[in-house]
Amino acid sequence: MFNITYLYNRIFDVNISIRVIVVLINIPIMILWYIAFVYNDFLCINPISYEMFIYLFLFYLYLNIYFYCDYPHPPLRHN
């Protein structure tokens, strides 16, 4: 998804910030995280442990917070 948005920003004269991208992508991904967490034992042949699942979720959450808060903002384009 980030590659598609990056290419879109390069082709068209619309600049979507990384903060907007992170927020928009997180809505469906949070639904998928919930489904994977609830149905982990049912959907997997070898389900991952609860601790490992929480570790992966917290790592994912940390990356999202980093990109949302600390990632530098792109400069505004002036015509």
Protein backbone atom coordinates (compact mmCIF):
# COMPACT_ATOMS: atom_id res chain seq x y z
CA MET A 1 0.00 0.00 0.00
CA PHE A 2 2.80 2.42 0.74
CA ASN A 3 4.32 1.78 -2.68
CA ILE A 4 1.01 2.48 -4.41
CA THR A 5 0.58 5.74 -2.51
CA TYR A 6 4.18 6.74 -3.22
CA LEU A 7 3.71 6.15 -6.94
CA TYR A 8 0.40 8.01 -6.86
CA ASN A 9 2.12 11.00 -5.26
CA ARG A 10 4.80 10.94 -7.96
CA ILE A 11 2.40 10.64 -10.90
CA PHE A 12 -0.29 13.11 -9.86
CA ASP A 13 0.08 16.48 -8.20
CA VAL A 14 -1.57 15.36 -4.98
CA ASN A 15 0.58 14.97 -1.92
CA ILE A 16 -0.82 12.56 0.65
CA SER A 17 1.09 12.78 3.90
CA ILE A 18 2.39 9.68 5.65
CA ARG A 19 0.09 10.42 8.61
CA VAL A 20 -3.02 10.21 6.46
CA ILE A 21 -1.76 7.01 4.87
CA VAL A 22 -1.13 5.38 8.26
CA VAL A 23 -4.57 6.31 9.57
CA LEU A 24 -6.41 5.14 6.44
CA ILE A 25 -4.54 1.85 6.22
CA ASN A 26 -4.99 1.07 9.92
CA ILE A 27 -8.78 0.92 9.77
CA PRO A 28 -9.04 -2.33 7.75
CA ILE A 29 -5.85 -3.76 9.26
CA MET A 30 -7.21 -3.43 12.81
CA ILE A 31 -10.26 -5.43 11.72
CA LEU A 32 -7.94 -8.12 10.33
CA TRP A 33 -5.89 -8.13 13.57
CA TYR A 34 -9.09 -8.69 15.54
CA ILE A 35 -10.21 -11.55 13.28
CA ALA A 36 -6.77 -13.16 13.47
CA PHE A 37 -6.68 -12.80 17.26
CA VAL A 38 -10.14 -14.24 17.86
CA TYR A 39 -9.92 -17.07 15.34
CA ASN A 40 -6.21 -17.88 15.80
CA ASP A 41 -6.81 -21.43 17.06
CA PHE A 42 -9.53 -22.16 14.54
CA LEU A 43 -7.90 -20.83 11.34
CA CYS A 44 -4.33 -22.09 11.81
CA ILE A 45 -2.91 -25.58 11.61
CA ASN A 46 -0.17 -24.52 14.03
CA PRO A 47 -1.56 -21.51 15.92
CA ILE A 48 0.91 -19.04 17.38
CA SER A 49 1.00 -18.51 21.11
CA TYR A 50 -0.88 -15.70 22.78
CA GLU A 51 2.36 -14.02 23.90
CA MET A 52 3.85 -14.07 20.39
CA PHE A 53 0.65 -12.68 18.91
CA ILE A 54 0.63 -9.81 21.42
CA TYR A 55 4.34 -9.16 20.73
CA LEU A 56 3.66 -8.89 16.99
CA PHE A 57 0.71 -6.59 17.60
CA LEU A 58 2.71 -4.30 19.90
CA PHE A 59 5.58 -4.18 17.40
CA TYR A 60 3.12 -3.26 14.65
CA LEU A 61 1.57 -0.62 16.92
CA TYR A 62 5.02 0.82 17.70
CA LEU A 63 5.83 1.15 13.99
CA ASN A 64 2.53 2.91 13.37
CA ILE A 65 3.09 5.36 16.20
CA TYR A 66 6.60 6.04 14.90
CA PHE A 67 5.37 6.78 11.39
CA TYR A 68 2.50 8.87 12.69
CA CYS A 69 4.44 10.97 15.22
CA ASP A 70 8.13 11.00 14.35
CA TYR A 71 8.28 10.65 10.59
CA PRO A 72 9.34 13.95 9.00
CA HIS A 73 6.69 15.79 7.08
CA PRO A 74 7.27 16.31 3.36
CA PRO A 75 7.80 19.90 2.29
CA LEU A 76 4.88 21.60 0.63
CA ARG A 77 5.10 21.99 -3.12
CA HIS A 78 4.72 25.48 -4.48
CA ASN A 79 3.87 26.21 -8.10
